[in-house]
Amino acid sequence: MTIFDENNHKSGLFRDTSFIGRLHEEGVVDTKEYFRLEEWLWESFEFHNSKMPKETVIRFGIMTSFVLKNIVHHQNKNDGYKIKNYTLDELHKLMDRMHQILEGLSDGKLPKREYLPNLPNA
């Protein structure tokens, strides 16, 4: 089992307490769970000598898209879904961070961590 399986709603190992699970079920960005996912990506990237398997890049892209979709719903005044613990600026930082990592995974060169947007409670 990987943290990816825990965050993949189509996996039999999906957890409601994972980063994606809490975002979907509770409307909460669990920073600790997000960084577990990101750390796994970094370790996997290094393990694969900067050539991340295509399936992993696609799956992280789907997760990034899911987060973006939730941010859009959060901003829609006619939608009942709200993210409770992040401001809109913090959500944009999360989205930017995930997007930069997705691009890095696709290009075979992850950005330096110190240049990524900081997240609250990190």
PDB file of N, CA and C in Angstrom:
ATOM      1  N   MET A   1       0.841  -1.186   0.000  1.00  0.00           N
ATOM      2  CA  MET A   1       0.000   0.000   0.000  1.00  0.00           C
ATOM      3  C   MET A   1       0.885   1.248   0.000  1.00  0.00           C
ATOM      4  N   THR A   2       0.480   2.233  -0.788  1.00  0.00           N
ATOM      5  CA  THR A   2       1.175   3.517  -0.786  1.00  0.00           C
ATOM      6  C   THR A   2       0.207   4.607  -0.364  1.00  0.00           C
ATOM      7  N   ILE A   3       0.761   5.739  -0.055  1.00  0.00           N
ATOM      8  CA  ILE A   3      -0.082   6.883   0.287  1.00  0.00           C
ATOM      9  C   ILE A   3      -0.949   7.268  -0.909  1.00  0.00           C
ATOM     10  N   PHE A   4      -0.481   6.932  -2.104  1.00  0.00           N
ATOM     11  CA  PHE A   4      -1.303   7.202  -3.289  1.00  0.00           C
ATOM     12  C   PHE A   4      -2.597   6.404  -3.231  1.00  0.00           C
ATOM     13  N   ASP A   5      -2.490   5.139  -2.832  1.00  0.00           N
ATOM     14  CA  ASP A   5      -3.686   4.294  -2.724  1.00  0.00           C
ATOM     15  C   ASP A   5      -4.661   4.851  -1.699  1.00  0.00           C
ATOM     16  N   GLU A   6      -4.120   5.392  -0.613  1.00  0.00           N
ATOM     17  CA  GLU A   6      -4.961   5.958   0.437  1.00  0.00           C
ATOM     18  C   GLU A   6      -5.723   7.191  -0.061  1.00  0.00           C
ATOM     19  N   ASN A   7      -5.179   7.892  -1.044  1.00  0.00           N
ATOM     20  CA  ASN A   7      -5.768   9.120  -1.580  1.00  0.00           C
ATOM     21  C   ASN A   7      -6.517   8.902  -2.885  1.00  0.00           C
ATOM     22  N   ASN A   8      -6.590   7.670  -3.362  1.00  0.00           N
ATOM     23  CA  ASN A   8      -7.258   7.345  -4.623  1.00  0.00           C
ATOM     24  C   ASN A   8      -8.627   6.749  -4.328  1.00  0.00           C
ATOM     25  N   HIS A   9      -9.678   7.506  -4.615  1.00  0.00           N
ATOM     26  CA  HIS A   9     -11.033   7.047  -4.282  1.00  0.00           C
ATOM     27  C   HIS A   9     -11.423   5.763  -5.014  1.00  0.00           C
ATOM     28  N   LYS A  10     -10.712   5.414  -6.073  1.00  0.00           N
ATOM     29  CA  LYS A  10     -11.026   4.184  -6.808  1.00  0.00           C
ATOM     30  C   LYS A  10     -10.275   2.979  -6.240  1.00  0.00           C
ATOM     31  N   SER A  11      -9.386   3.237  -5.300  1.00  0.00           N
ATOM     32  CA  SER A  11      -8.604   2.169  -4.691  1.00  0.00           C
ATOM     33  C   SER A  11      -9.386   1.539  -3.550  1.00  0.00           C
ATOM     34  N   GLY A  12      -9.237   0.269  -3.380  1.00  0.00           N
ATOM     35  CA  GLY A  12      -9.840  -0.406  -2.235  1.00  0.00           C
ATOM     36  C   GLY A  12      -9.179  -0.013  -0.923  1.00  0.00           C
ATOM     37  N   LEU A  13      -8.078   0.720  -1.000  1.00  0.00           N
ATOM     38  CA  LEU A  13      -7.344   1.139   0.193  1.00  0.00           C
ATOM     39  C   LEU A  13      -7.586   2.610   0.538  1.00  0.00           C
ATOM     40  N   PHE A  14      -8.535   3.245  -0.158  1.00  0.00           N
ATOM     41  CA  PHE A  14      -8.851   4.657   0.095  1.00  0.00           C
ATOM     42  C   PHE A  14      -9.225   4.855   1.561  1.00  0.00           C
ATOM     43  N   ARG A  15      -8.718   5.962   2.148  1.00  0.00           N
ATOM     44  CA  ARG A  15      -9.038   6.301   3.536  1.00  0.00           C
ATOM     45  C   ARG A  15      -9.760   7.645   3.588  1.00  0.00           C
ATOM     46  N   ASP A  16     -10.856   7.700   4.325  1.00  0.00           N
ATOM     47  CA  ASP A  16     -11.548   8.975   4.528  1.00  0.00           C
ATOM     48  C   ASP A  16     -10.686   9.967   5.291  1.00  0.00           C
ATOM     49  N   THR A  17      -9.670   9.475   5.998  1.00  0.00           N
ATOM     50  CA  THR A  17      -8.783  10.345   6.779  1.00  0.00           C
ATOM     51  C   THR A  17      -7.544  10.775   5.998  1.00  0.00           C
ATOM     52  N   SER A  18      -7.466  10.398   4.718  1.00  0.00           N
ATOM     53  CA  SER A  18      -6.343  10.830   3.880  1.00  0.00           C
ATOM     54  C   SER A  18      -6.532  12.297   3.493  1.00  0.00           C
ATOM     55  N   PHE A  19      -5.530  12.879   2.859  1.00  0.00           N
ATOM     56  CA  PHE A  19      -5.620  14.269   2.403  1.00  0.00           C
ATOM     57  C   PHE A  19      -6.862  14.477   1.534  1.00  0.00           C
ATOM     58  N   ILE A  20      -7.026  13.656   0.503  1.00  0.00           N
ATOM     59  CA  ILE A  20      -8.171  13.776  -0.406  1.00  0.00           C
ATOM     60  C   ILE A  20      -9.470  13.423   0.321  1.00  0.00           C
ATOM     61  N   GLY A  21      -9.436  12.387   1.155  1.00  0.00           N
ATOM     62  CA  GLY A  21     -10.625  11.991   1.898  1.00  0.00           C
ATOM     63  C   GLY A  21     -11.150  13.087   2.804  1.00  0.00           C
ATOM     64  N   ARG A  22     -10.277  13.730   3.551  1.00  0.00           N
ATOM     65  CA  ARG A  22     -10.712  14.796   4.468  1.00  0.00           C
ATOM     66  C   ARG A  22     -11.187  16.017   3.697  1.00  0.00           C
ATOM     67  N   LEU A  23     -10.513  16.330   2.591  1.00  0.00           N
ATOM     68  CA  LEU A  23     -10.937  17.471   1.783  1.00  0.00           C
ATOM     69  C   LEU A  23     -12.355  17.239   1.268  1.00  0.00           C
ATOM     70  N   HIS A  24     -12.595  16.037   0.767  1.00  0.00           N
ATOM     71  CA  HIS A  24     -13.902  15.716   0.195  1.00  0.00           C
ATOM     72  C   HIS A  24     -14.988  15.584   1.269  1.00  0.00           C
ATOM     73  N   GLU A  25     -14.714  14.816   2.300  1.00  0.00           N
ATOM     74  CA  GLU A  25     -15.740  14.486   3.290  1.00  0.00           C
ATOM     75  C   GLU A  25     -15.994  15.587   4.311  1.00  0.00           C
ATOM     76  N   GLU A  26     -14.912  16.294   4.718  1.00  0.00           N
ATOM     77  CA  GLU A  26     -15.032  17.263   5.813  1.00  0.00           C
ATOM     78  C   GLU A  26     -14.854  18.717   5.375  1.00  0.00           C
ATOM     79  N   GLY A  27     -14.361  18.922   4.150  1.00  0.00           N
ATOM     80  CA  GLY A  27     -14.067  20.283   3.731  1.00  0.00           C
ATOM     81  C   GLY A  27     -12.882  20.858   4.490  1.00  0.00           C
ATOM     82  N   VAL A  28     -11.897  19.996   4.768  1.00  0.00           N
ATOM     83  CA  VAL A  28     -10.724  20.391   5.548  1.00  0.00           C
ATOM     84  C   VAL A  28      -9.460  20.029   4.774  1.00  0.00           C
ATOM     85  N   VAL A  29      -8.529  20.980   4.698  1.00  0.00           N
ATOM     86  CA  VAL A  29      -7.203  20.693   4.150  1.00  0.00           C
ATOM     87  C   VAL A  29      -6.348  20.214   5.313  1.00  0.00           C
ATOM     88  N   ASP A  30      -6.002  18.942   5.293  1.00  0.00           N
ATOM     89  CA  ASP A  30      -5.151  18.360   6.341  1.00  0.00           C
ATOM     90  C   ASP A  30      -3.703  18.502   5.879  1.00  0.00           C
ATOM     91  N   THR A  31      -3.045  19.532   6.384  1.00  0.00           N
ATOM     92  CA  THR A  31      -1.682  19.843   5.945  1.00  0.00           C
ATOM     93  C   THR A  31      -0.730  18.689   6.228  1.00  0.00           C
ATOM     94  N   LYS A  32      -0.895  18.039   7.374  1.00  0.00           N
ATOM     95  CA  LYS A  32      -0.034  16.903   7.718  1.00  0.00           C
ATOM     96  C   LYS A  32      -0.187  15.789   6.684  1.00  0.00           C
ATOM     97  N   GLU A  33      -1.418  15.468   6.316  1.00  0.00           N
ATOM     98  CA  GLU A  33      -1.653  14.428   5.313  1.00  0.00           C
ATOM     99  C   GLU A  33      -1.150  14.861   3.935  1.00  0.00           C
ATOM    100  N   TYR A  34      -1.307  16.151   3.622  1.00  0.00           N
ATOM    101  CA  TYR A  34      -0.789  16.628   2.338  1.00  0.00           C
ATOM    102  C   TYR A  34       0.721  16.415   2.271  1.00  0.00           C
ATOM    103  N   PHE A  35       1.428  16.782   3.340  1.00  0.00           N
ATOM    104  CA  PHE A  35       2.882  16.646   3.316  1.00  0.00           C
ATOM    105  C   PHE A  35       3.336  15.194   3.338  1.00  0.00           C
ATOM    106  N   ARG A  36       2.532  14.287   3.883  1.00  0.00           N
ATOM    107  CA  ARG A  36       2.835  12.850   3.749  1.00  0.00           C
ATOM    108  C   ARG A  36       2.820  12.459   2.271  1.00  0.00           C
ATOM    109  N   LEU A  37       1.799  12.930   1.561  1.00  0.00           N
ATOM    110  CA  LEU A  37       1.681  12.650   0.128  1.00  0.00           C
ATOM    111  C   LEU A  37       2.853  13.258  -0.637  1.00  0.00           C
ATOM    112  N   GLU A  38       3.148  14.517  -0.357  1.00  0.00           N
ATOM    113  CA  GLU A  38       4.239  15.192  -1.068  1.00  0.00           C
ATOM    114  C   GLU A  38       5.588  14.523  -0.788  1.00  0.00           C
ATOM    115  N   GLU A  39       5.824  14.147   0.451  1.00  0.00           N
ATOM    116  CA  GLU A  39       7.090  13.482   0.799  1.00  0.00           C
ATOM    117  C   GLU A  39       7.222  12.155   0.053  1.00  0.00           C
ATOM    118  N   TRP A  40       6.121  11.410  -0.050  1.00  0.00           N
ATOM    119  CA  TRP A  40       6.152  10.154  -0.807  1.00  0.00           C
ATOM    120  C   TRP A  40       6.514  10.418  -2.268  1.00  0.00           C
ATOM    121  N   LEU A  41       5.954  11.491  -2.829  1.00  0.00           N
ATOM    122  CA  LEU A  41       6.273  11.844  -4.217  1.00  0.00           C
ATOM    123  C   LEU A  41       7.762  12.135  -4.371  1.00  0.00           C
ATOM    124  N   TRP A  42       8.317  12.917  -3.454  1.00  0.00           N
ATOM    125  CA  TRP A  42       9.729  13.272  -3.524  1.00  0.00           C
ATOM    126  C   TRP A  42      10.609  12.020  -3.438  1.00  0.00           C
ATOM    127  N   GLU A  43      10.291  11.151  -2.478  1.00  0.00           N
ATOM    128  CA  GLU A  43      11.078   9.921  -2.316  1.00  0.00           C
ATOM    129  C   GLU A  43      10.953   9.021  -3.545  1.00  0.00           C
ATOM    130  N   SER A  44       9.760   8.908  -4.076  1.00  0.00           N
ATOM    131  CA  SER A  44       9.536   8.082  -5.256  1.00  0.00           C
ATOM    132  C   SER A  44      10.279   8.659  -6.467  1.00  0.00           C
ATOM    133  N   PHE A  45      10.259   9.982  -6.593  1.00  0.00           N
ATOM    134  CA  PHE A  45      10.951  10.663  -7.686  1.00  0.00           C
ATOM    135  C   PHE A  45      12.448  10.349  -7.638  1.00  0.00           C
ATOM    136  N   GLU A  46      13.023  10.440  -6.443  1.00  0.00           N
ATOM    137  CA  GLU A  46      14.453  10.140  -6.281  1.00  0.00           C
ATOM    138  C   GLU A  46      14.724   8.662  -6.529  1.00  0.00           C
ATOM    139  N   PHE A  47      13.854   7.786  -6.056  1.00  0.00           N
ATOM    140  CA  PHE A  47      14.009   6.349  -6.249  1.00  0.00           C
ATOM    141  C   PHE A  47      14.029   5.996  -7.736  1.00  0.00           C
ATOM    142  N   HIS A  48      13.199   6.693  -8.518  1.00  0.00           N
ATOM    143  CA  HIS A  48      13.103   6.422  -9.952  1.00  0.00           C
ATOM    144  C   HIS A  48      14.068   7.277 -10.774  1.00  0.00           C
ATOM    145  N   ASN A  49      15.065   7.859 -10.116  1.00  0.00           N
ATOM    146  CA  ASN A  49      16.084   8.665 -10.804  1.00  0.00           C
ATOM    147  C   ASN A  49      15.474   9.740 -11.695  1.00  0.00           C
ATOM    148  N   SER A  50      14.527  10.475 -11.143  1.00  0.00           N
ATOM    149  CA  SER A  50      13.874  11.613 -11.812  1.00  0.00           C
ATOM    150  C   SER A  50      13.005  11.211 -12.997  1.00  0.00           C
ATOM    151  N   LYS A  51      12.700   9.929 -13.135  1.00  0.00           N
ATOM    152  CA  LYS A  51      11.836   9.458 -14.220  1.00  0.00           C
ATOM    153  C   LYS A  51      10.622   8.787 -13.602  1.00  0.00           C
ATOM    154  N   MET A  52       9.719   9.617 -13.120  1.00  0.00           N
ATOM    155  CA  MET A  52       8.538   9.117 -12.425  1.00  0.00           C
ATOM    156  C   MET A  52       7.672   8.322 -13.396  1.00  0.00           C
ATOM    157  N   PRO A  53       7.154   7.169 -12.940  1.00  0.00           N
ATOM    158  CA  PRO A  53       6.252   6.397 -13.808  1.00  0.00           C
ATOM    159  C   PRO A  53       5.062   7.251 -14.260  1.00  0.00           C
ATOM    160  N   LYS A  54       4.706   7.081 -15.513  1.00  0.00           N
ATOM    161  CA  LYS A  54       3.621   7.873 -16.104  1.00  0.00           C
ATOM    162  C   LYS A  54       2.337   7.768 -15.288  1.00  0.00           C
ATOM    163  N   GLU A  55       2.017   6.583 -14.804  1.00  0.00           N
ATOM    164  CA  GLU A  55       0.783   6.389 -14.025  1.00  0.00           C
ATOM    165  C   GLU A  55       0.791   7.247 -12.756  1.00  0.00           C
ATOM    166  N   THR A  56       1.935   7.383 -12.112  1.00  0.00           N
ATOM    167  CA  THR A  56       2.025   8.198 -10.898  1.00  0.00           C
ATOM    168  C   THR A  56       1.795   9.665 -11.225  1.00  0.00           C
ATOM    169  N   VAL A  57       2.377  10.134 -12.317  1.00  0.00           N
ATOM    170  CA  VAL A  57       2.183  11.526 -12.733  1.00  0.00           C
ATOM    171  C   VAL A  57       0.706  11.771 -13.041  1.00  0.00           C
ATOM    172  N   ILE A  58       0.089  10.849 -13.742  1.00  0.00           N
ATOM    173  CA  ILE A  58      -1.332  10.988 -14.081  1.00  0.00           C
ATOM    174  C   ILE A  58      -2.181  11.006 -12.811  1.00  0.00           C
ATOM    175  N   ARG A  59      -1.904  10.102 -11.897  1.00  0.00           N
ATOM    176  CA  ARG A  59      -2.690  10.035 -10.656  1.00  0.00           C
ATOM    177  C   ARG A  59      -2.529  11.310  -9.828  1.00  0.00           C
ATOM    178  N   PHE A  60      -1.314  11.859  -9.760  1.00  0.00           N
ATOM    179  CA  PHE A  60      -1.137  13.113  -9.032  1.00  0.00           C
ATOM    180  C   PHE A  60      -1.842  14.249  -9.774  1.00  0.00           C
ATOM    181  N   GLY A  61      -1.850  14.191 -11.097  1.00  0.00           N
ATOM    182  CA  GLY A  61      -2.587  15.184 -11.881  1.00  0.00           C
ATOM    183  C   GLY A  61      -4.078  15.137 -11.584  1.00  0.00           C
ATOM    184  N   ILE A  62      -4.613  13.932 -11.421  1.00  0.00           N
ATOM    185  CA  ILE A  62      -6.032  13.780 -11.077  1.00  0.00           C
ATOM    186  C   ILE A  62      -6.299  14.341  -9.684  1.00  0.00           C
ATOM    187  N   MET A  63      -5.394  14.087  -8.749  1.00  0.00           N
ATOM    188  CA  MET A  63      -5.549  14.648  -7.400  1.00  0.00           C
ATOM    189  C   MET A  63      -5.497  16.173  -7.445  1.00  0.00           C
ATOM    190  N   THR A  64      -4.582  16.722  -8.226  1.00  0.00           N
ATOM    191  CA  THR A  64      -4.456  18.174  -8.359  1.00  0.00           C
ATOM    192  C   THR A  64      -5.741  18.748  -8.953  1.00  0.00           C
ATOM    193  N   SER A  65      -6.270  18.094  -9.950  1.00  0.00           N
ATOM    194  CA  SER A  65      -7.523  18.522 -10.566  1.00  0.00           C
ATOM    195  C   SER A  65      -8.674  18.473  -9.557  1.00  0.00           C
ATOM    196  N   PHE A  66      -8.702  17.436  -8.731  1.00  0.00           N
ATOM    197  CA  PHE A  66      -9.740  17.307  -7.715  1.00  0.00           C
ATOM    198  C   PHE A  66      -9.674  18.472  -6.725  1.00  0.00           C
ATOM    199  N   VAL A  67      -8.459  18.829  -6.303  1.00  0.00           N
ATOM    200  CA  VAL A  67      -8.292  19.954  -5.372  1.00  0.00           C
ATOM    201  C   VAL A  67      -8.761  21.242  -6.036  1.00  0.00           C
ATOM    202  N   LEU A  68      -8.396  21.441  -7.298  1.00  0.00           N
ATOM    203  CA  LEU A  68      -8.825  22.637  -8.025  1.00  0.00           C
ATOM    204  C   LEU A  68     -10.356  22.691  -8.104  1.00  0.00           C
ATOM    205  N   LYS A  69     -10.976  21.566  -8.411  1.00  0.00           N
ATOM    206  CA  LYS A  69     -12.436  21.505  -8.496  1.00  0.00           C
ATOM    207  C   LYS A  69     -13.066  21.890  -7.156  1.00  0.00           C
ATOM    208  N   ASN A  70     -12.488  21.414  -6.064  1.00  0.00           N
ATOM    209  CA  ASN A  70     -13.017  21.748  -4.746  1.00  0.00           C
ATOM    210  C   ASN A  70     -12.841  23.226  -4.420  1.00  0.00           C
ATOM    211  N   ILE A  71     -11.751  23.821  -4.862  1.00  0.00           N
ATOM    212  CA  ILE A  71     -11.545  25.259  -4.662  1.00  0.00           C
ATOM    213  C   ILE A  71     -12.604  26.042  -5.438  1.00  0.00           C
ATOM    214  N   VAL A  72     -12.902  25.615  -6.661  1.00  0.00           N
ATOM    215  CA  VAL A  72     -13.926  26.285  -7.470  1.00  0.00           C
ATOM    216  C   VAL A  72     -15.284  26.189  -6.772  1.00  0.00           C
ATOM    217  N   HIS A  73     -15.641  25.003  -6.280  1.00  0.00           N
ATOM    218  CA  HIS A  73     -16.909  24.838  -5.563  1.00  0.00           C
ATOM    219  C   HIS A  73     -16.934  25.708  -4.309  1.00  0.00           C
ATOM    220  N   HIS A  74     -15.808  25.781  -3.623  1.00  0.00           N
ATOM    221  CA  HIS A  74     -15.700  26.596  -2.406  1.00  0.00           C
ATOM    222  C   HIS A  74     -16.006  28.068  -2.703  1.00  0.00           C
ATOM    223  N   GLN A  75     -15.573  28.543  -3.865  1.00  0.00           N
ATOM    224  CA  GLN A  75     -15.763  29.949  -4.221  1.00  0.00           C
ATOM    225  C   GLN A  75     -17.170  30.261  -4.742  1.00  0.00           C
ATOM    226  N   ASN A  76     -17.909  29.230  -5.124  1.00  0.00           N
ATOM    227  CA  ASN A  76     -19.248  29.415  -5.673  1.00  0.00           C
ATOM    228  C   ASN A  76     -20.235  29.669  -4.535  1.00  0.00           C
ATOM    229  N   LYS A  77     -20.780  30.856  -4.479  1.00  0.00           N
ATOM    230  CA  LYS A  77     -21.708  31.225  -3.403  1.00  0.00           C
ATOM    231  C   LYS A  77     -22.990  30.381  -3.429  1.00  0.00           C
ATOM    232  N   ASN A  78     -23.333  29.794  -4.566  1.00  0.00           N
ATOM    233  CA  ASN A  78     -24.542  28.979  -4.698  1.00  0.00           C
ATOM    234  C   ASN A  78     -24.302  27.510  -4.368  1.00  0.00           C
ATOM    235  N   ASP A  79     -23.067  27.155  -4.053  1.00  0.00           N
ATOM    236  CA  ASP A  79     -22.713  25.775  -3.745  1.00  0.00           C
ATOM    237  C   ASP A  79     -22.542  25.654  -2.233  1.00  0.00           C
ATOM    238  N   GLY A  80     -23.072  24.626  -1.641  1.00  0.00           N
ATOM    239  CA  GLY A  80     -22.979  24.453  -0.193  1.00  0.00           C
ATOM    240  C   GLY A  80     -21.621  23.988   0.297  1.00  0.00           C
ATOM    241  N   TYR A  81     -20.743  23.545  -0.622  1.00  0.00           N
ATOM    242  CA  TYR A  81     -19.435  23.033  -0.220  1.00  0.00           C
ATOM    243  C   TYR A  81     -18.504  24.178   0.173  1.00  0.00           C
ATOM    244  N   LYS A  82     -17.893  24.072   1.332  1.00  0.00           N
ATOM    245  CA  LYS A  82     -16.940  25.077   1.786  1.00  0.00           C
ATOM    246  C   LYS A  82     -15.737  24.375   2.405  1.00  0.00           C
ATOM    247  N   ILE A  83     -14.561  24.935   2.164  1.00  0.00           N
ATOM    248  CA  ILE A  83     -13.341  24.471   2.815  1.00  0.00           C
ATOM    249  C   ILE A  83     -13.192  25.330   4.068  1.00  0.00           C
ATOM    250  N   LYS A  84     -13.198  24.688   5.211  1.00  0.00           N
ATOM    251  CA  LYS A  84     -13.363  25.381   6.481  1.00  0.00           C
ATOM    252  C   LYS A  84     -12.097  26.000   7.060  1.00  0.00           C
ATOM    253  N   ASN A  85     -10.944  25.429   6.779  1.00  0.00           N
ATOM    254  CA  ASN A  85      -9.763  25.841   7.536  1.00  0.00           C
ATOM    255  C   ASN A  85      -8.703  26.576   6.727  1.00  0.00           C
ATOM    256  N   TYR A  86      -8.976  26.902   5.468  1.00  0.00           N
ATOM    257  CA  TYR A  86      -8.006  27.630   4.639  1.00  0.00           C
ATOM    258  C   TYR A  86      -8.690  28.861   4.061  1.00  0.00           C
ATOM    259  N   THR A  87      -7.960  29.969   4.036  1.00  0.00           N
ATOM    260  CA  THR A  87      -8.458  31.153   3.350  1.00  0.00           C
ATOM    261  C   THR A  87      -8.301  30.936   1.853  1.00  0.00           C
ATOM    262  N   LEU A  88      -8.911  31.798   1.074  1.00  0.00           N
ATOM    263  CA  LEU A  88      -8.786  31.693  -0.375  1.00  0.00           C
ATOM    264  C   LEU A  88      -7.322  31.847  -0.806  1.00  0.00           C
ATOM    265  N   ASP A  89      -6.595  32.757  -0.174  1.00  0.00           N
ATOM    266  CA  ASP A  89      -5.168  32.934  -0.485  1.00  0.00           C
ATOM    267  C   ASP A  89      -4.388  31.656  -0.173  1.00  0.00           C
ATOM    268  N   GLU A  90      -4.688  31.010   0.942  1.00  0.00           N
ATOM    269  CA  GLU A  90      -4.004  29.760   1.299  1.00  0.00           C
ATOM    270  C   GLU A  90      -4.353  28.644   0.325  1.00  0.00           C
ATOM    271  N   LEU A  91      -5.596  28.607  -0.138  1.00  0.00           N
ATOM    272  CA  LEU A  91      -5.991  27.610  -1.140  1.00  0.00           C
ATOM    273  C   LEU A  91      -5.244  27.828  -2.451  1.00  0.00           C
ATOM    274  N   HIS A  92      -5.069  29.072  -2.826  1.00  0.00           N
ATOM    275  CA  HIS A  92      -4.314  29.373  -4.050  1.00  0.00           C
ATOM    276  C   HIS A  92      -2.859  28.938  -3.904  1.00  0.00           C
ATOM    277  N   LYS A  93      -2.290  29.117  -2.731  1.00  0.00           N
ATOM    278  CA  LYS A  93      -0.906  28.667  -2.490  1.00  0.00           C
ATOM    279  C   LYS A  93      -0.803  27.147  -2.587  1.00  0.00           C
ATOM    280  N   LEU A  94      -1.782  26.452  -2.021  1.00  0.00           N
ATOM    281  CA  LEU A  94      -1.801  24.991  -2.125  1.00  0.00           C
ATOM    282  C   LEU A  94      -1.883  24.570  -3.584  1.00  0.00           C
ATOM    283  N   MET A  95      -2.776  25.195  -4.331  1.00  0.00           N
ATOM    284  CA  MET A  95      -2.941  24.846  -5.743  1.00  0.00           C
ATOM    285  C   MET A  95      -1.660  25.129  -6.525  1.00  0.00           C
ATOM    286  N   ASP A  96      -1.040  26.270  -6.257  1.00  0.00           N
ATOM    287  CA  ASP A  96       0.213  26.628  -6.930  1.00  0.00           C
ATOM    288  C   ASP A  96       1.307  25.616  -6.595  1.00  0.00           C
ATOM    289  N   ARG A  97       1.400  25.243  -5.345  1.00  0.00           N
ATOM    290  CA  ARG A  97       2.412  24.267  -4.915  1.00  0.00           C
ATOM    291  C   ARG A  97       2.205  22.935  -5.639  1.00  0.00           C
ATOM    292  N   MET A  98       0.958  22.450  -5.634  1.00  0.00           N
ATOM    293  CA  MET A  98       0.669  21.177  -6.294  1.00  0.00           C
ATOM    294  C   MET A  98       0.940  21.261  -7.796  1.00  0.00           C
ATOM    295  N   HIS A  99       0.599  22.378  -8.409  1.00  0.00           N
ATOM    296  CA  HIS A  99       0.818  22.549  -9.839  1.00  0.00           C
ATOM    297  C   HIS A  99       2.309  22.532 -10.165  1.00  0.00           C
ATOM    298  N   GLN A 100       3.115  23.227  -9.376  1.00  0.00           N
ATOM    299  CA  GLN A 100       4.561  23.236  -9.622  1.00  0.00           C
ATOM    300  C   GLN A 100       5.153  21.832  -9.483  1.00  0.00           C
ATOM    301  N   ILE A 101       4.674  21.083  -8.505  1.00  0.00           N
ATOM    302  CA  ILE A 101       5.168  19.712  -8.328  1.00  0.00           C
ATOM    303  C   ILE A 101       4.723  18.836  -9.495  1.00  0.00           C
ATOM    304  N   LEU A 102       3.484  18.981  -9.936  1.00  0.00           N
ATOM    305  CA  LEU A 102       2.993  18.216 -11.083  1.00  0.00           C
ATOM    306  C   LEU A 102       3.837  18.518 -12.330  1.00  0.00           C
ATOM    307  N   GLU A 103       4.112  19.783 -12.575  1.00  0.00           N
ATOM    308  CA  GLU A 103       4.966  20.140 -13.715  1.00  0.00           C
ATOM    309  C   GLU A 103       6.346  19.514 -13.576  1.00  0.00           C
ATOM    310  N   GLY A 104       6.906  19.559 -12.372  1.00  0.00           N
ATOM    311  CA  GLY A 104       8.224  18.969 -12.143  1.00  0.00           C
ATOM    312  C   GLY A 104       8.240  17.473 -12.373  1.00  0.00           C
ATOM    313  N   LEU A 105       7.192  16.794 -11.907  1.00  0.00           N
ATOM    314  CA  LEU A 105       7.099  15.354 -12.138  1.00  0.00           C
ATOM    315  C   LEU A 105       7.023  15.058 -13.631  1.00  0.00           C
ATOM    316  N   SER A 106       6.272  15.879 -14.353  1.00  0.00           N
ATOM    317  CA  SER A 106       6.111  15.686 -15.806  1.00  0.00           C
ATOM    318  C   SER A 106       7.401  15.965 -16.560  1.00  0.00           C
ATOM    319  N   ASP A 107       8.143  16.975 -16.103  1.00  0.00           N
ATOM    320  CA  ASP A 107       9.368  17.398 -16.795  1.00  0.00           C
ATOM    321  C   ASP A 107      10.616  16.656 -16.336  1.00  0.00           C
ATOM    322  N   GLY A 108      10.501  15.892 -15.250  1.00  0.00           N
ATOM    323  CA  GLY A 108      11.666  15.178 -14.733  1.00  0.00           C
ATOM    324  C   GLY A 108      12.579  16.051 -13.895  1.00  0.00           C
ATOM    325  N   LYS A 109      12.055  17.175 -13.392  1.00  0.00           N
ATOM    326  CA  LYS A 109      12.869  18.051 -12.550  1.00  0.00           C
ATOM    327  C   LYS A 109      11.967  18.769 -11.547  1.00  0.00           C
ATOM    328  N   LEU A 110      11.967  18.278 -10.320  1.00  0.00           N
ATOM    329  CA  LEU A 110      11.146  18.901  -9.284  1.00  0.00           C
ATOM    330  C   LEU A 110      11.714  20.264  -8.898  1.00  0.00           C
ATOM    331  N   PRO A 111      10.840  21.199  -8.545  1.00  0.00           N
ATOM    332  CA  PRO A 111      11.323  22.515  -8.105  1.00  0.00           C
ATOM    333  C   PRO A 111      12.006  22.393  -6.745  1.00  0.00           C
ATOM    334  N   LYS A 112      12.854  23.343  -6.434  1.00  0.00           N
ATOM    335  CA  LYS A 112      13.467  23.361  -5.109  1.00  0.00           C
ATOM    336  C   LYS A 112      12.381  23.688  -4.091  1.00  0.00           C
ATOM    337  N   ARG A 113      12.386  22.959  -3.021  1.00  0.00           N
ATOM    338  CA  ARG A 113      11.330  23.120  -2.018  1.00  0.00           C
ATOM    339  C   ARG A 113      11.263  24.528  -1.454  1.00  0.00           C
ATOM    340  N   GLU A 114      12.408  25.164  -1.308  1.00  0.00           N
ATOM    341  CA  GLU A 114      12.398  26.506  -0.714  1.00  0.00           C
ATOM    342  C   GLU A 114      11.722  27.539  -1.615  1.00  0.00           C
ATOM    343  N   TYR A 115      11.488  27.204  -2.881  1.00  0.00           N
ATOM    344  CA  TYR A 115      10.811  28.128  -3.798  1.00  0.00           C
ATOM    345  C   TYR A 115       9.316  27.863  -3.894  1.00  0.00           C
ATOM    346  N   LEU A 116       8.857  26.795  -3.259  1.00  0.00           N
ATOM    347  CA  LEU A 116       7.428  26.476  -3.282  1.00  0.00           C
ATOM    348  C   LEU A 116       6.686  27.339  -2.267  1.00  0.00           C
ATOM    349  N   PRO A 117       5.425  27.670  -2.556  1.00  0.00           N
ATOM    350  CA  PRO A 117       4.652  28.465  -1.589  1.00  0.00           C
ATOM    351  C   PRO A 117       4.521  27.733  -0.254  1.00  0.00           C
ATOM    352  N   ASN A 118       4.641  28.482   0.830  1.00  0.00           N
ATOM    353  CA  ASN A 118       4.463  27.904   2.168  1.00  0.00           C
ATOM    354  C   ASN A 118       2.985  27.703   2.443  1.00  0.00           C
ATOM    355  N   LEU A 119       2.701  26.652   3.185  1.00  0.00           N
ATOM    356  CA  LEU A 119       1.322  26.353   3.585  1.00  0.00           C
ATOM    357  C   LEU A 119       1.196  26.562   5.088  1.00  0.00           C
ATOM    358  N   PRO A 120       0.011  26.916   5.556  1.00  0.00           N
ATOM    359  CA  PRO A 120      -0.179  27.089   6.997  1.00  0.00           C
ATOM    360  C   PRO A 120      -0.005  25.772   7.741  1.00  0.00           C
ATOM    361  N   ASN A 121       0.393  25.865   8.972  1.00  0.00           N
ATOM    362  CA  ASN A 121       0.588  24.694   9.844  1.00  0.00           C
ATOM    363  C   ASN A 121       1.611  23.726   9.292  1.00  0.00           C
ATOM    364  N   ALA A 122       2.557  24.229   8.515  1.00  0.00           N
ATOM    365  CA  ALA A 122       3.559  23.325   7.926  1.00  0.00           C
ATOM    366  C   ALA A 122       4.775  23.214   8.829  1.00  0.00           C
TER     367      ALA A 122
END
